[in-house]
Amino acid sequence: DYFYKIYSCRDMVAPKPSPEIYNYIVSSCGLNKD
């Protein structure tokens, strides 16, 4: 219950070290990277 969202790289095209998961989180959640 503490977590707003949970993401797995298994649902992305590429795992880390690709930045895909972080870029996706920022975009889908409407976040500001700063």
PDB file of all heavy atoms in Angstrom:
ATOM      1  N   ASP A   1       0.806  -1.228   0.000  1.00  0.00           N
ATOM      2  CA  ASP A   1       0.000   0.000   0.000  1.00  0.00           C
ATOM      3  C   ASP A   1       0.835   1.272   0.000  1.00  0.00           C
ATOM      4  O   ASP A   1       0.303   2.356  -0.256  1.00  0.00           O
ATOM      5  CB  ASP A   1      -0.948   0.017   1.203  1.00  0.00           C
ATOM      6  CG  ASP A   1      -2.059  -1.018   1.087  1.00  0.00           C
ATOM      7  OD1 ASP A   1      -2.283  -1.526  -0.026  1.00  0.00           O
ATOM      8  OD2 ASP A   1      -2.692  -1.328   2.115  1.00  0.00           O
ATOM      9  N   TYR A   2       2.121   1.167   0.285  1.00  0.00           N
ATOM     10  CA  TYR A   2       2.966   2.355   0.285  1.00  0.00           C
ATOM     11  C   TYR A   2       3.307   2.825  -1.128  1.00  0.00           C
ATOM     12  O   TYR A   2       3.741   3.966  -1.307  1.00  0.00           O
ATOM     13  CB  TYR A   2       4.279   2.084   1.032  1.00  0.00           C
ATOM     14  CG  TYR A   2       4.115   1.789   2.506  1.00  0.00           C
ATOM     15  CD1 TYR A   2       4.919   0.834   3.136  1.00  0.00           C
ATOM     16  CD2 TYR A   2       3.172   2.450   3.281  1.00  0.00           C
ATOM     17  CE1 TYR A   2       4.782   0.561   4.489  1.00  0.00           C
ATOM     18  CE2 TYR A   2       3.023   2.186   4.634  1.00  0.00           C
ATOM     19  CZ  TYR A   2       3.828   1.235   5.229  1.00  0.00           C
ATOM     20  OH  TYR A   2       3.693   0.972   6.564  1.00  0.00           O
ATOM     21  N   PHE A   3       3.123   1.954  -2.107  1.00  0.00           N
ATOM     22  CA  PHE A   3       3.584   2.271  -3.463  1.00  0.00           C
ATOM     23  C   PHE A   3       2.446   2.724  -4.372  1.00  0.00           C
ATOM     24  O   PHE A   3       1.431   2.055  -4.513  1.00  0.00           O
ATOM     25  CB  PHE A   3       4.313   1.067  -4.069  1.00  0.00           C
ATOM     26  CG  PHE A   3       5.571   0.730  -3.335  1.00  0.00           C
ATOM     27  CD1 PHE A   3       5.596  -0.299  -2.403  1.00  0.00           C
ATOM     28  CD2 PHE A   3       6.719   1.472  -3.530  1.00  0.00           C
ATOM     29  CE1 PHE A   3       6.748  -0.588  -1.692  1.00  0.00           C
ATOM     30  CE2 PHE A   3       7.875   1.194  -2.826  1.00  0.00           C
ATOM     31  CZ  PHE A   3       7.889   0.158  -1.907  1.00  0.00           C
ATOM     32  N   TYR A   4       2.681   3.864  -4.992  1.00  0.00           N
ATOM     33  CA  TYR A   4       1.730   4.463  -5.929  1.00  0.00           C
ATOM     34  C   TYR A   4       1.634   3.614  -7.196  1.00  0.00           C
ATOM     35  O   TYR A   4       0.549   3.362  -7.712  1.00  0.00           O
ATOM     36  CB  TYR A   4       2.191   5.889  -6.247  1.00  0.00           C
ATOM     37  CG  TYR A   4       1.519   6.558  -7.410  1.00  0.00           C
ATOM     38  CD1 TYR A   4       0.148   6.773  -7.425  1.00  0.00           C
ATOM     39  CD2 TYR A   4       2.264   6.996  -8.506  1.00  0.00           C
ATOM     40  CE1 TYR A   4      -0.471   7.392  -8.501  1.00  0.00           C
ATOM     41  CE2 TYR A   4       1.665   7.625  -9.580  1.00  0.00           C
ATOM     42  CZ  TYR A   4       0.297   7.822  -9.571  1.00  0.00           C
ATOM     43  OH  TYR A   4      -0.304   8.428 -10.629  1.00  0.00           O
ATOM     44  N   LYS A   5       2.779   3.157  -7.685  1.00  0.00           N
ATOM     45  CA  LYS A   5       2.833   2.321  -8.886  1.00  0.00           C
ATOM     46  C   LYS A   5       3.991   1.329  -8.760  1.00  0.00           C
ATOM     47  O   LYS A   5       4.975   1.598  -8.071  1.00  0.00           O
ATOM     48  CB  LYS A   5       3.046   3.167 -10.152  1.00  0.00           C
ATOM     49  CG  LYS A   5       1.910   4.110 -10.501  1.00  0.00           C
ATOM     50  CD  LYS A   5       0.762   3.375 -11.190  1.00  0.00           C
ATOM     51  CE  LYS A   5      -0.290   4.364 -11.677  1.00  0.00           C
ATOM     52  NZ  LYS A   5      -1.388   3.679 -12.378  1.00  0.00           N
ATOM     53  N   ILE A   6       3.884   0.215  -9.477  1.00  0.00           N
ATOM     54  CA  ILE A   6       4.949  -0.793  -9.527  1.00  0.00           C
ATOM     55  C   ILE A   6       5.183  -1.157 -10.994  1.00  0.00           C
ATOM     56  O   ILE A   6       4.226  -1.447 -11.722  1.00  0.00           O
ATOM     57  CB  ILE A   6       4.570  -2.052  -8.728  1.00  0.00           C
ATOM     58  CG1 ILE A   6       4.300  -1.693  -7.264  1.00  0.00           C
ATOM     59  CG2 ILE A   6       5.681  -3.107  -8.816  1.00  0.00           C
ATOM     60  CD1 ILE A   6       3.673  -2.808  -6.464  1.00  0.00           C
ATOM     61  N   TYR A   7       6.432  -1.130 -11.403  1.00  0.00           N
ATOM     62  CA  TYR A   7       6.773  -1.427 -12.795  1.00  0.00           C
ATOM     63  C   TYR A   7       7.872  -2.491 -12.860  1.00  0.00           C
ATOM     64  O   TYR A   7       8.793  -2.500 -12.050  1.00  0.00           O
ATOM     65  CB  TYR A   7       7.268  -0.170 -13.520  1.00  0.00           C
ATOM     66  CG  TYR A   7       6.225   0.910 -13.649  1.00  0.00           C
ATOM     67  CD1 TYR A   7       6.086   1.867 -12.651  1.00  0.00           C
ATOM     68  CD2 TYR A   7       5.384   0.979 -14.752  1.00  0.00           C
ATOM     69  CE1 TYR A   7       5.129   2.869 -12.754  1.00  0.00           C
ATOM     70  CE2 TYR A   7       4.426   1.978 -14.868  1.00  0.00           C
ATOM     71  CZ  TYR A   7       4.300   2.921 -13.864  1.00  0.00           C
ATOM     72  OH  TYR A   7       3.353   3.912 -13.963  1.00  0.00           O
ATOM     73  N   SER A   8       7.743  -3.366 -13.845  1.00  0.00           N
ATOM     74  CA  SER A   8       8.765  -4.381 -14.110  1.00  0.00           C
ATOM     75  C   SER A   8       9.314  -4.187 -15.510  1.00  0.00           C
ATOM     76  O   SER A   8       8.554  -3.929 -16.463  1.00  0.00           O
ATOM     77  CB  SER A   8       8.167  -5.783 -13.989  1.00  0.00           C
ATOM     78  OG  SER A   8       9.069  -6.754 -14.498  1.00  0.00           O
ATOM     79  N   CYS A   9      10.626  -4.339 -15.647  1.00  0.00           N
ATOM     80  CA  CYS A   9      11.248  -4.237 -16.974  1.00  0.00           C
ATOM     81  C   CYS A   9      10.784  -5.357 -17.899  1.00  0.00           C
ATOM     82  O   CYS A   9      10.979  -5.271 -19.120  1.00  0.00           O
ATOM     83  CB  CYS A   9      12.769  -4.267 -16.846  1.00  0.00           C
ATOM     84  SG  CYS A   9      13.486  -2.722 -16.258  1.00  0.00           S
ATOM     85  N   ARG A  10      10.177  -6.406 -17.317  1.00  0.00           N
ATOM     86  CA  ARG A  10       9.663  -7.500 -18.153  1.00  0.00           C
ATOM     87  C   ARG A  10       8.543  -6.997 -19.065  1.00  0.00           C
ATOM     88  O   ARG A  10       8.211  -7.643 -20.056  1.00  0.00           O
ATOM     89  CB  ARG A  10       9.144  -8.639 -17.274  1.00  0.00           C
ATOM     90  CG  ARG A  10      10.155  -9.190 -16.286  1.00  0.00           C
ATOM     91  CD  ARG A  10      11.387  -9.744 -16.982  1.00  0.00           C
ATOM     92  NE  ARG A  10      12.400 -10.136 -16.029  1.00  0.00           N
ATOM     93  CZ  ARG A  10      12.496 -11.343 -15.489  1.00  0.00           C
ATOM     94  NH1 ARG A  10      11.629 -12.283 -15.810  1.00  0.00           N
ATOM     95  NH2 ARG A  10      13.461 -11.616 -14.638  1.00  0.00           N
ATOM     96  N   ASP A  11       7.950  -5.866 -18.694  1.00  0.00           N
ATOM     97  CA  ASP A  11       6.878  -5.287 -19.498  1.00  0.00           C
ATOM     98  C   ASP A  11       7.400  -4.233 -20.469  1.00  0.00           C
ATOM     99  O   ASP A  11       6.616  -3.587 -21.164  1.00  0.00           O
ATOM    100  CB  ASP A  11       5.806  -4.665 -18.591  1.00  0.00           C
ATOM    101  CG  ASP A  11       5.184  -5.692 -17.653  1.00  0.00           C
ATOM    102  OD1 ASP A  11       4.918  -6.821 -18.115  1.00  0.00           O
ATOM    103  OD2 ASP A  11       4.970  -5.367 -16.473  1.00  0.00           O
ATOM    104  N   MET A  12       8.713  -4.058 -20.501  1.00  0.00           N
ATOM    105  CA  MET A  12       9.345  -3.100 -21.403  1.00  0.00           C
ATOM    106  C   MET A  12      10.031  -3.848 -22.552  1.00  0.00           C
ATOM    107  O   MET A  12      10.182  -5.064 -22.511  1.00  0.00           O
ATOM    108  CB  MET A  12      10.389  -2.261 -20.647  1.00  0.00           C
ATOM    109  CG  MET A  12       9.856  -1.576 -19.395  1.00  0.00           C
ATOM    110  SD  MET A  12       8.700  -0.249 -19.757  1.00  0.00           S
ATOM    111  CE  MET A  12       7.540  -0.422 -18.385  1.00  0.00           C
ATOM    112  N   VAL A  13      10.459  -3.111 -23.535  1.00  0.00           N
ATOM    113  CA  VAL A  13      11.190  -3.723 -24.643  1.00  0.00           C
ATOM    114  C   VAL A  13      12.584  -4.135 -24.188  1.00  0.00           C
ATOM    115  O   VAL A  13      13.079  -5.210 -24.527  1.00  0.00           O
ATOM    116  CB  VAL A  13      11.290  -2.748 -25.841  1.00  0.00           C
ATOM    117  CG1 VAL A  13      12.199  -3.336 -26.931  1.00  0.00           C
ATOM    118  CG2 VAL A  13       9.907  -2.458 -26.397  1.00  0.00           C
ATOM    119  N   ALA A  14      13.211  -3.271 -23.373  1.00  0.00           N
ATOM    120  CA  ALA A  14      14.588  -3.532 -22.948  1.00  0.00           C
ATOM    121  C   ALA A  14      14.715  -3.345 -21.441  1.00  0.00           C
ATOM    122  O   ALA A  14      14.137  -2.423 -20.863  1.00  0.00           O
ATOM    123  CB  ALA A  14      15.548  -2.590 -23.670  1.00  0.00           C
ATOM    124  N   PRO A  15      15.490  -4.222 -20.775  1.00  0.00           N
ATOM    125  CA  PRO A  15      15.730  -4.082 -19.330  1.00  0.00           C
ATOM    126  C   PRO A  15      16.784  -3.008 -19.059  1.00  0.00           C
ATOM    127  O   PRO A  15      17.413  -2.487 -19.984  1.00  0.00           O
ATOM    128  CB  PRO A  15      16.248  -5.467 -18.933  1.00  0.00           C
ATOM    129  CG  PRO A  15      16.963  -5.947 -20.159  1.00  0.00           C
ATOM    130  CD  PRO A  15      16.167  -5.417 -21.318  1.00  0.00           C
ATOM    131  N   LYS A  16      16.976  -2.656 -17.793  1.00  0.00           N
ATOM    132  CA  LYS A  16      18.110  -1.807 -17.424  1.00  0.00           C
ATOM    133  C   LYS A  16      19.396  -2.519 -17.883  1.00  0.00           C
ATOM    134  O   LYS A  16      19.450  -3.739 -17.842  1.00  0.00           O
ATOM    135  CB  LYS A  16      18.156  -1.617 -15.904  1.00  0.00           C
ATOM    136  CG  LYS A  16      16.903  -1.015 -15.293  1.00  0.00           C
ATOM    137  CD  LYS A  16      16.978  -1.065 -13.768  1.00  0.00           C
ATOM    138  CE  LYS A  16      15.678  -0.713 -13.110  1.00  0.00           C
ATOM    139  NZ  LYS A  16      15.721  -0.844 -11.633  1.00  0.00           N
ATOM    140  N   PRO A  17      20.397  -1.835 -18.398  1.00  0.00           N
ATOM    141  CA  PRO A  17      20.677  -0.405 -18.264  1.00  0.00           C
ATOM    142  C   PRO A  17      19.961   0.515 -19.251  1.00  0.00           C
ATOM    143  O   PRO A  17      20.259   1.700 -19.294  1.00  0.00           O
ATOM    144  CB  PRO A  17      22.190  -0.333 -18.461  1.00  0.00           C
ATOM    145  CG  PRO A  17      22.481  -1.446 -19.408  1.00  0.00           C
ATOM    146  CD  PRO A  17      21.538  -2.551 -18.990  1.00  0.00           C
ATOM    147  N   SER A  18      19.052  -0.018 -20.054  1.00  0.00           N
ATOM    148  CA  SER A  18      18.239   0.867 -20.881  1.00  0.00           C
ATOM    149  C   SER A  18      17.436   1.807 -19.974  1.00  0.00           C
ATOM    150  O   SER A  18      16.915   1.373 -18.942  1.00  0.00           O
ATOM    151  CB  SER A  18      17.279   0.042 -21.745  1.00  0.00           C
ATOM    152  OG  SER A  18      16.266   0.873 -22.294  1.00  0.00           O
ATOM    153  N   PRO A  19      17.307   3.067 -20.345  1.00  0.00           N
ATOM    154  CA  PRO A  19      16.521   4.008 -19.533  1.00  0.00           C
ATOM    155  C   PRO A  19      15.026   3.896 -19.774  1.00  0.00           C
ATOM    156  O   PRO A  19      14.244   4.672 -19.210  1.00  0.00           O
ATOM    157  CB  PRO A  19      17.047   5.368 -20.003  1.00  0.00           C
ATOM    158  CG  PRO A  19      17.399   5.139 -21.440  1.00  0.00           C
ATOM    159  CD  PRO A  19      17.955   3.729 -21.498  1.00  0.00           C
ATOM    160  N   GLU A  20      14.620   2.928 -20.595  1.00  0.00           N
ATOM    161  CA  GLU A  20      13.224   2.842 -21.028  1.00  0.00           C
ATOM    162  C   GLU A  20      12.241   2.868 -19.862  1.00  0.00           C
ATOM    163  O   GLU A  20      11.247   3.599 -19.891  1.00  0.00           O
ATOM    164  CB  GLU A  20      12.985   1.573 -21.856  1.00  0.00           C
ATOM    165  CG  GLU A  20      11.537   1.445 -22.331  1.00  0.00           C
ATOM    166  CD  GLU A  20      11.237   0.121 -23.020  1.00  0.00           C
ATOM    167  OE1 GLU A  20      12.149  -0.718 -23.117  1.00  0.00           O
ATOM    168  OE2 GLU A  20      10.092  -0.071 -23.449  1.00  0.00           O
ATOM    169  N   ILE A  21      12.487   2.056 -18.841  1.00  0.00           N
ATOM    170  CA  ILE A  21      11.521   1.959 -17.749  1.00  0.00           C
ATOM    171  C   ILE A  21      11.359   3.295 -17.028  1.00  0.00           C
ATOM    172  O   ILE A  21      10.239   3.689 -16.673  1.00  0.00           O
ATOM    173  CB  ILE A  21      11.895   0.843 -16.749  1.00  0.00           C
ATOM    174  CG1 ILE A  21      10.719   0.599 -15.780  1.00  0.00           C
ATOM    175  CG2 ILE A  21      13.187   1.142 -16.008  1.00  0.00           C
ATOM    176  CD1 ILE A  21      10.864  -0.671 -14.952  1.00  0.00           C
ATOM    177  N   TYR A  22      12.454   4.024 -16.857  1.00  0.00           N
ATOM    178  CA  TYR A  22      12.369   5.315 -16.176  1.00  0.00           C
ATOM    179  C   TYR A  22      11.686   6.368 -17.044  1.00  0.00           C
ATOM    180  O   TYR A  22      10.883   7.162 -16.543  1.00  0.00           O
ATOM    181  CB  TYR A  22      13.760   5.771 -15.732  1.00  0.00           C
ATOM    182  CG  TYR A  22      14.285   4.943 -14.597  1.00  0.00           C
ATOM    183  CD1 TYR A  22      15.489   4.252 -14.686  1.00  0.00           C
ATOM    184  CD2 TYR A  22      13.558   4.825 -13.413  1.00  0.00           C
ATOM    185  CE1 TYR A  22      15.950   3.481 -13.635  1.00  0.00           C
ATOM    186  CE2 TYR A  22      14.013   4.045 -12.359  1.00  0.00           C
ATOM    187  CZ  TYR A  22      15.212   3.376 -12.482  1.00  0.00           C
ATOM    188  OH  TYR A  22      15.656   2.602 -11.434  1.00  0.00           O
ATOM    189  N   ASN A  23      11.991   6.365 -18.322  1.00  0.00           N
ATOM    190  CA  ASN A  23      11.310   7.294 -19.232  1.00  0.00           C
ATOM    191  C   ASN A  23       9.817   6.980 -19.312  1.00  0.00           C
ATOM    192  O   ASN A  23       8.985   7.896 -19.367  1.00  0.00           O
ATOM    193  CB  ASN A  23      11.946   7.227 -20.620  1.00  0.00           C
ATOM    194  CG  ASN A  23      13.307   7.900 -20.680  1.00  0.00           C
ATOM    195  OD1 ASN A  23      13.562   8.875 -19.966  1.00  0.00           O
ATOM    196  ND2 ASN A  23      14.187   7.393 -21.518  1.00  0.00           N
ATOM    197  N   TYR A  24       9.490   5.701 -19.301  1.00  0.00           N
ATOM    198  CA  TYR A  24       8.083   5.294 -19.356  1.00  0.00           C
ATOM    199  C   TYR A  24       7.336   5.738 -18.099  1.00  0.00           C
ATOM    200  O   TYR A  24       6.203   6.231 -18.169  1.00  0.00           O
ATOM    201  CB  TYR A  24       7.979   3.774 -19.516  1.00  0.00           C
ATOM    202  CG  TYR A  24       6.551   3.279 -19.570  1.00  0.00           C
ATOM    203  CD1 TYR A  24       5.813   3.366 -20.746  1.00  0.00           C
ATOM    204  CD2 TYR A  24       5.947   2.748 -18.433  1.00  0.00           C
ATOM    205  CE1 TYR A  24       4.493   2.913 -20.800  1.00  0.00           C
ATOM    206  CE2 TYR A  24       4.628   2.309 -18.473  1.00  0.00           C
ATOM    207  CZ  TYR A  24       3.910   2.395 -19.660  1.00  0.00           C
ATOM    208  OH  TYR A  24       2.604   1.965 -19.692  1.00  0.00           O
ATOM    209  N   ILE A  25       7.962   5.554 -16.940  1.00  0.00           N
ATOM    210  CA  ILE A  25       7.333   5.955 -15.676  1.00  0.00           C
ATOM    211  C   ILE A  25       7.044   7.455 -15.674  1.00  0.00           C
ATOM    212  O   ILE A  25       5.943   7.898 -15.321  1.00  0.00           O
ATOM    213  CB  ILE A  25       8.240   5.585 -14.482  1.00  0.00           C
ATOM    214  CG1 ILE A  25       8.250   4.068 -14.281  1.00  0.00           C
ATOM    215  CG2 ILE A  25       7.765   6.279 -13.209  1.00  0.00           C
ATOM    216  CD1 ILE A  25       9.284   3.588 -13.276  1.00  0.00           C
ATOM    217  N   VAL A  26       8.024   8.250 -16.052  1.00  0.00           N
ATOM    218  CA  VAL A  26       7.865   9.706 -16.075  1.00  0.00           C
ATOM    219  C   VAL A  26       6.734  10.108 -17.015  1.00  0.00           C
ATOM    220  O   VAL A  26       5.879  10.942 -16.670  1.00  0.00           O
ATOM    221  CB  VAL A  26       9.187  10.389 -16.497  1.00  0.00           C
ATOM    222  CG1 VAL A  26       8.960  11.870 -16.787  1.00  0.00           C
ATOM    223  CG2 VAL A  26      10.232  10.222 -15.406  1.00  0.00           C
ATOM    224  N   SER A  27       6.710   9.495 -18.198  1.00  0.00           N
ATOM    225  CA  SER A  27       5.698   9.829 -19.193  1.00  0.00           C
ATOM    226  C   SER A  27       4.299   9.390 -18.764  1.00  0.00           C
ATOM    227  O   SER A  27       3.343  10.171 -18.809  1.00  0.00           O
ATOM    228  CB  SER A  27       6.061   9.175 -20.531  1.00  0.00           C
ATOM    229  OG  SER A  27       5.045   9.382 -21.484  1.00  0.00           O
ATOM    230  N   SER A  28       4.176   8.128 -18.327  1.00  0.00           N
ATOM    231  CA  SER A  28       2.851   7.579 -18.014  1.00  0.00           C
ATOM    232  C   SER A  28       2.247   8.179 -16.746  1.00  0.00           C
ATOM    233  O   SER A  28       1.022   8.262 -16.613  1.00  0.00           O
ATOM    234  CB  SER A  28       2.919   6.053 -17.884  1.00  0.00           C
ATOM    235  OG  SER A  28       3.761   5.668 -16.818  1.00  0.00           O
ATOM    236  N   CYS A  29       3.110   8.607 -15.817  1.00  0.00           N
ATOM    237  CA  CYS A  29       2.621   9.182 -14.559  1.00  0.00           C
ATOM    238  C   CYS A  29       2.580  10.707 -14.585  1.00  0.00           C
ATOM    239  O   CYS A  29       2.148  11.340 -13.613  1.00  0.00           O
ATOM    240  CB  CYS A  29       3.494   8.727 -13.385  1.00  0.00           C
ATOM    241  SG  CYS A  29       3.417   6.953 -13.043  1.00  0.00           S
ATOM    242  N   GLY A  30       3.026  11.306 -15.707  1.00  0.00           N
ATOM    243  CA  GLY A  30       3.022  12.759 -15.822  1.00  0.00           C
ATOM    244  C   GLY A  30       3.949  13.441 -14.830  1.00  0.00           C
ATOM    245  O   GLY A  30       3.613  14.478 -14.256  1.00  0.00           O
ATOM    246  N   LEU A  31       5.130  12.864 -14.625  1.00  0.00           N
ATOM    247  CA  LEU A  31       6.070  13.377 -13.634  1.00  0.00           C
ATOM    248  C   LEU A  31       7.055  14.364 -14.249  1.00  0.00           C
ATOM    249  O   LEU A  31       7.306  14.360 -15.455  1.00  0.00           O
ATOM    250  CB  LEU A  31       6.851  12.227 -12.997  1.00  0.00           C
ATOM    251  CG  LEU A  31       6.032  11.109 -12.343  1.00  0.00           C
ATOM    252  CD1 LEU A  31       6.955  10.013 -11.841  1.00  0.00           C
ATOM    253  CD2 LEU A  31       5.169  11.659 -11.216  1.00  0.00           C
ATOM    254  N   ASN A  32       7.638  15.188 -13.398  1.00  0.00           N
ATOM    255  CA  ASN A  32       8.720  16.084 -13.777  1.00  0.00           C
ATOM    256  C   ASN A  32      10.021  15.428 -13.315  1.00  0.00           C
ATOM    257  O   ASN A  32      10.181  15.128 -12.140  1.00  0.00           O
ATOM    258  CB  ASN A  32       8.521  17.443 -13.100  1.00  0.00           C
ATOM    259  CG  ASN A  32       9.576  18.459 -13.500  1.00  0.00           C
ATOM    260  OD1 ASN A  32      10.717  18.114 -13.810  1.00  0.00           O
ATOM    261  ND2 ASN A  32       9.202  19.727 -13.492  1.00  0.00           N
ATOM    262  N   LYS A  33      10.947  15.204 -14.220  1.00  0.00           N
ATOM    263  CA  LYS A  33      12.192  14.516 -13.866  1.00  0.00           C
ATOM    264  C   LYS A  33      12.961  15.226 -12.751  1.00  0.00           C
ATOM    265  O   LYS A  33      13.625  14.580 -11.946  1.00  0.00           O
ATOM    266  CB  LYS A  33      13.088  14.343 -15.093  1.00  0.00           C
ATOM    267  CG  LYS A  33      12.566  13.335 -16.106  1.00  0.00           C
ATOM    268  CD  LYS A  33      13.553  13.113 -17.231  1.00  0.00           C
ATOM    269  CE  LYS A  33      13.032  12.061 -18.205  1.00  0.00           C
ATOM    270  NZ  LYS A  33      13.997  11.765 -19.290  1.00  0.00           N
ATOM    271  N   ASP A  34      12.872  16.548 -12.727  1.00  0.00           N
ATOM    272  CA  ASP A  34      13.578  17.307 -11.693  1.00  0.00           C
ATOM    273  C   ASP A  34      12.986  17.075 -10.305  1.00  0.00           C
ATOM    274  O   ASP A  34      13.624  17.402  -9.297  1.00  0.00           O
ATOM    275  CB  ASP A  34      13.535  18.804 -12.014  1.00  0.00           C
ATOM    276  CG  ASP A  34      14.384  19.161 -13.225  1.00  0.00           C
ATOM    277  OD1 ASP A  34      15.333  18.405 -13.513  1.00  0.00           O
ATOM    278  OD2 ASP A  34      14.093  20.173 -13.884  1.00  0.00           O
TER     279      ASP A  34
END
